[in-house]
């Protein structure tokens, strides 16, 4: 008899369905070293709570732009300091992408509220674009 603390083990199909994935995705993640499901009778994969959390980590990491190699490096880091270094680099990149996305959202919000015939002539719209113009390198002439 199972104790009340034990979680049932899921088949690959059940685990994949829980996350809206095809089973072959979990097989691939296993083949690249991201998952290590338990094996039951006849070698069938069985996914417990720890593996479900690993799947959730992988999905969340992919949502923010991590590649599978990056995810594996973080998940298999030999020590917390190495993992911290890897995550710091990814955090800085994500912060830059969030800032660019926020600027884009501000631009869209400005455009939605603009009543000018020519959006490019709107002073508020131009003010938001000023930083972008300053970043653009001047064209060179030959």
C-alpha atoms as a PDB file:
ATOM      1  CA  UNK A   1       0.000   0.000   0.000  1.00  0.00           C
ATOM      2  CA  UNK A   2       1.282   3.460  -0.901  1.00  0.00           C
ATOM      3  CA  UNK A   3       1.739   6.140   1.714  1.00  0.00           C
ATOM      4  CA  UNK A   4      -0.253   9.346   1.309  1.00  0.00           C
ATOM      5  CA  UNK A   5       3.026  11.224   0.593  1.00  0.00           C
ATOM      6  CA  UNK A   6       3.775   9.238  -2.557  1.00  0.00           C
ATOM      7  CA  UNK A   7       2.771  10.700  -5.879  1.00  0.00           C
ATOM      8  CA  UNK A   8       1.644   8.366  -8.640  1.00  0.00           C
ATOM      9  CA  UNK A   9       4.100   7.904 -11.479  1.00  0.00           C
ATOM     10  CA  UNK A  10       2.856   9.060 -14.863  1.00  0.00           C
ATOM     11  CA  UNK A  11       3.444   7.441 -18.220  1.00  0.00           C
ATOM     12  CA  UNK A  12       5.229   9.466 -20.885  1.00  0.00           C
ATOM     13  CA  UNK A  13       1.889  10.170 -22.569  1.00  0.00           C
ATOM     14  CA  UNK A  14       0.312  11.359 -19.320  1.00  0.00           C
ATOM     15  CA  UNK A  15       3.293  13.557 -18.439  1.00  0.00           C
ATOM     16  CA  UNK A  16       3.427  15.049 -21.936  1.00  0.00           C
ATOM     17  CA  UNK A  17      -0.331  15.705 -21.950  1.00  0.00           C
ATOM     18  CA  UNK A  18      -0.089  17.488 -18.598  1.00  0.00           C
ATOM     19  CA  UNK A  19       2.131  20.090 -20.285  1.00  0.00           C
ATOM     20  CA  UNK A  20       0.507  20.089 -23.712  1.00  0.00           C
ATOM     21  CA  UNK A  21       3.503  18.399 -25.318  1.00  0.00           C
ATOM     22  CA  UNK A  22       3.923  15.466 -27.646  1.00  0.00           C
ATOM     23  CA  UNK A  23       5.669  12.468 -26.042  1.00  0.00           C
ATOM     24  CA  UNK A  24       8.535  12.692 -28.535  1.00  0.00           C
ATOM     25  CA  UNK A  25       9.519  16.043 -26.980  1.00  0.00           C
ATOM     26  CA  UNK A  26      10.107  14.351 -23.619  1.00  0.00           C
ATOM     27  CA  UNK A  27      12.052  11.580 -25.340  1.00  0.00           C
ATOM     28  CA  UNK A  28      14.239  14.192 -27.023  1.00  0.00           C
ATOM     29  CA  UNK A  29      14.846  16.036 -23.760  1.00  0.00           C
ATOM     30  CA  UNK A  30      15.861  12.728 -22.215  1.00  0.00           C
ATOM     31  CA  UNK A  31      18.244  12.018 -25.108  1.00  0.00           C
ATOM     32  CA  UNK A  32      20.025  15.362 -24.586  1.00  0.00           C
ATOM     33  CA  UNK A  33      20.379  14.817 -20.841  1.00  0.00           C
ATOM     34  CA  UNK A  34      17.628  17.053 -19.476  1.00  0.00           C
ATOM     35  CA  UNK A  35      15.343  14.339 -18.120  1.00  0.00           C
ATOM     36  CA  UNK A  36      15.961  10.978 -16.471  1.00  0.00           C
ATOM     37  CA  UNK A  37      12.601   9.337 -15.863  1.00  0.00           C
ATOM     38  CA  UNK A  38      12.383   6.170 -13.801  1.00  0.00           C
ATOM     39  CA  UNK A  39      11.887   2.938 -15.689  1.00  0.00           C
ATOM     40  CA  UNK A  40       9.102   0.510 -14.919  1.00  0.00           C
ATOM     41  CA  UNK A  41       8.318  -2.933 -16.232  1.00  0.00           C
ATOM     42  CA  UNK A  42       9.527  -3.449 -19.810  1.00  0.00           C
ATOM     43  CA  UNK A  43      11.591  -0.247 -19.600  1.00  0.00           C
ATOM     44  CA  UNK A  44       8.598   2.091 -19.832  1.00  0.00           C
ATOM     45  CA  UNK A  45       9.312   5.629 -18.702  1.00  0.00           C
ATOM     46  CA  UNK A  46       7.597   6.751 -15.513  1.00  0.00           C
ATOM     47  CA  UNK A  47       7.529  10.418 -14.497  1.00  0.00           C
ATOM     48  CA  UNK A  48       7.342  11.372 -10.840  1.00  0.00           C
ATOM     49  CA  UNK A  49       7.108  14.724  -9.138  1.00  0.00           C
ATOM     50  CA  UNK A  50      10.820  15.585  -9.575  1.00  0.00           C
ATOM     51  CA  UNK A  51      10.675  14.946 -13.320  1.00  0.00           C
ATOM     52  CA  UNK A  52       7.490  17.015 -13.642  1.00  0.00           C
ATOM     53  CA  UNK A  53       9.289  19.916 -11.976  1.00  0.00           C
ATOM     54  CA  UNK A  54      12.211  19.477 -14.385  1.00  0.00           C
ATOM     55  CA  UNK A  55       9.782  19.617 -17.319  1.00  0.00           C
ATOM     56  CA  UNK A  56       8.269  22.808 -15.885  1.00  0.00           C
ATOM     57  CA  UNK A  57      11.762  24.313 -15.491  1.00  0.00           C
ATOM     58  CA  UNK A  58      12.658  23.437 -19.082  1.00  0.00           C
ATOM     59  CA  UNK A  59       9.441  24.954 -20.414  1.00  0.00           C
ATOM     60  CA  UNK A  60       9.836  28.152 -18.406  1.00  0.00           C
ATOM     61  CA  UNK A  61      13.472  28.486 -19.465  1.00  0.00           C
ATOM     62  CA  UNK A  62      12.523  28.008 -23.129  1.00  0.00           C
ATOM     63  CA  UNK A  63       9.816  30.681 -22.758  1.00  0.00           C
ATOM     64  CA  UNK A  64      12.465  33.250 -21.829  1.00  0.00           C
ATOM     65  CA  UNK A  65      14.783  32.275 -24.649  1.00  0.00           C
ATOM     66  CA  UNK A  66      17.124  29.663 -23.209  1.00  0.00           C
ATOM     67  CA  UNK A  67      18.303  26.986 -25.599  1.00  0.00           C
ATOM     68  CA  UNK A  68      18.445  23.333 -24.583  1.00  0.00           C
ATOM     69  CA  UNK A  69      22.245  23.486 -24.261  1.00  0.00           C
ATOM     70  CA  UNK A  70      21.938  26.462 -21.899  1.00  0.00           C
ATOM     71  CA  UNK A  71      19.267  24.710 -19.855  1.00  0.00           C
ATOM     72  CA  UNK A  72      21.377  21.573 -19.573  1.00  0.00           C
ATOM     73  CA  UNK A  73      24.435  23.609 -18.510  1.00  0.00           C
ATOM     74  CA  UNK A  74      22.430  25.300 -15.765  1.00  0.00           C
ATOM     75  CA  UNK A  75      20.721  22.118 -14.586  1.00  0.00           C
ATOM     76  CA  UNK A  76      23.954  20.121 -14.520  1.00  0.00           C
ATOM     77  CA  UNK A  77      26.288  22.827 -13.208  1.00  0.00           C
ATOM     78  CA  UNK A  78      28.916  21.180 -11.004  1.00  0.00           C
ATOM     79  CA  UNK A  79      28.284  23.630  -8.152  1.00  0.00           C
ATOM     80  CA  UNK A  80      26.069  26.571  -7.156  1.00  0.00           C
ATOM     81  CA  UNK A  81      28.741  29.159  -8.053  1.00  0.00           C
ATOM     82  CA  UNK A  82      28.938  27.915 -11.648  1.00  0.00           C
ATOM     83  CA  UNK A  83      25.145  27.868 -11.900  1.00  0.00           C
ATOM     84  CA  UNK A  84      24.996  31.410 -10.498  1.00  0.00           C
ATOM     85  CA  UNK A  85      27.511  32.659 -13.074  1.00  0.00           C
ATOM     86  CA  UNK A  86      25.516  31.085 -15.912  1.00  0.00           C
ATOM     87  CA  UNK A  87      22.253  32.517 -14.623  1.00  0.00           C
ATOM     88  CA  UNK A  88      23.699  36.006 -14.157  1.00  0.00           C
ATOM     89  CA  UNK A  89      24.611  36.155 -17.837  1.00  0.00           C
ATOM     90  CA  UNK A  90      21.157  34.997 -18.875  1.00  0.00           C
ATOM     91  CA  UNK A  91      19.513  37.392 -16.431  1.00  0.00           C
ATOM     92  CA  UNK A  92      21.357  40.360 -17.937  1.00  0.00           C
ATOM     93  CA  UNK A  93      20.282  39.314 -21.430  1.00  0.00           C
ATOM     94  CA  UNK A  94      16.673  38.844 -20.327  1.00  0.00           C
ATOM     95  CA  UNK A  95      16.663  42.260 -18.604  1.00  0.00           C
ATOM     96  CA  UNK A  96      17.843  43.867 -21.880  1.00  0.00           C
ATOM     97  CA  UNK A  97      15.109  42.070 -23.843  1.00  0.00           C
ATOM     98  CA  UNK A  98      12.456  43.109 -21.299  1.00  0.00           C
ATOM     99  CA  UNK A  99      13.590  46.745 -21.542  1.00  0.00           C
ATOM    100  CA  UNK A 100      13.343  46.624 -25.352  1.00  0.00           C
ATOM    101  CA  UNK A 101       9.915  45.003 -25.131  1.00  0.00           C
ATOM    102  CA  UNK A 102       8.732  47.665 -22.665  1.00  0.00           C
ATOM    103  CA  UNK A 103       9.917  50.399 -25.025  1.00  0.00           C
ATOM    104  CA  UNK A 104       8.019  48.722 -27.850  1.00  0.00           C
ATOM    105  CA  UNK A 105       4.911  48.506 -25.681  1.00  0.00           C
ATOM    106  CA  UNK A 106       5.241  52.211 -24.837  1.00  0.00           C
ATOM    107  CA  UNK A 107       5.515  52.976 -28.564  1.00  0.00           C
ATOM    108  CA  UNK A 108       2.363  50.980 -29.341  1.00  0.00           C
ATOM    109  CA  UNK A 109       0.471  52.644 -26.476  1.00  0.00           C
ATOM    110  CA  UNK A 110       1.542  56.047 -27.777  1.00  0.00           C
ATOM    111  CA  UNK A 111       0.414  55.151 -31.302  1.00  0.00           C
ATOM    112  CA  UNK A 112      -2.943  53.916 -29.998  1.00  0.00           C
ATOM    113  CA  UNK A 113      -3.568  57.303 -28.376  1.00  0.00           C
ATOM    114  CA  UNK A 114      -2.313  59.398 -31.269  1.00  0.00           C
ATOM    115  CA  UNK A 115      -4.804  61.365 -33.343  1.00  0.00           C
ATOM    116  CA  UNK A 116      -2.299  62.766 -35.863  1.00  0.00           C
ATOM    117  CA  UNK A 117      -2.911  61.932 -39.506  1.00  0.00           C
ATOM    118  CA  UNK A 118       0.779  61.067 -39.901  1.00  0.00           C
ATOM    119  CA  UNK A 119       1.994  59.030 -36.926  1.00  0.00           C
ATOM    120  CA  UNK A 120       5.590  59.898 -37.771  1.00  0.00           C
ATOM    121  CA  UNK A 121       4.814  63.602 -37.309  1.00  0.00           C
ATOM    122  CA  UNK A 122       3.472  63.129 -33.765  1.00  0.00           C
ATOM    123  CA  UNK A 123       5.840  64.811 -31.254  1.00  0.00           C
ATOM    124  CA  UNK A 124       5.109  62.195 -28.567  1.00  0.00           C
ATOM    125  CA  UNK A 125       5.778  59.347 -30.980  1.00  0.00           C
ATOM    126  CA  UNK A 126       8.989  61.039 -32.139  1.00  0.00           C
ATOM    127  CA  UNK A 127      10.128  61.515 -28.522  1.00  0.00           C
ATOM    128  CA  UNK A 128       9.882  57.781 -27.892  1.00  0.00           C
ATOM    129  CA  UNK A 129      11.903  57.081 -31.046  1.00  0.00           C
ATOM    130  CA  UNK A 130      14.652  59.604 -30.247  1.00  0.00           C
ATOM    131  CA  UNK A 131      16.758  57.037 -28.359  1.00  0.00           C
ATOM    132  CA  UNK A 132      16.522  54.616 -31.260  1.00  0.00           C
ATOM    133  CA  UNK A 133      17.660  57.263 -33.736  1.00  0.00           C
ATOM    134  CA  UNK A 134      20.631  58.085 -31.496  1.00  0.00           C
ATOM    135  CA  UNK A 135      21.649  54.394 -31.401  1.00  0.00           C
ATOM    136  CA  UNK A 136      21.637  54.016 -35.166  1.00  0.00           C
ATOM    137  CA  UNK A 137      25.057  54.410 -36.718  1.00  0.00           C
ATOM    138  CA  UNK A 138      25.335  57.081 -39.360  1.00  0.00           C
ATOM    139  CA  UNK A 139      25.630  55.625 -42.875  1.00  0.00           C
ATOM    140  CA  UNK A 140      29.027  55.842 -44.439  1.00  0.00           C
ATOM    141  CA  UNK A 141      29.574  57.193 -47.921  1.00  0.00           C
ATOM    142  CA  UNK A 142      32.129  55.769 -50.283  1.00  0.00           C
END
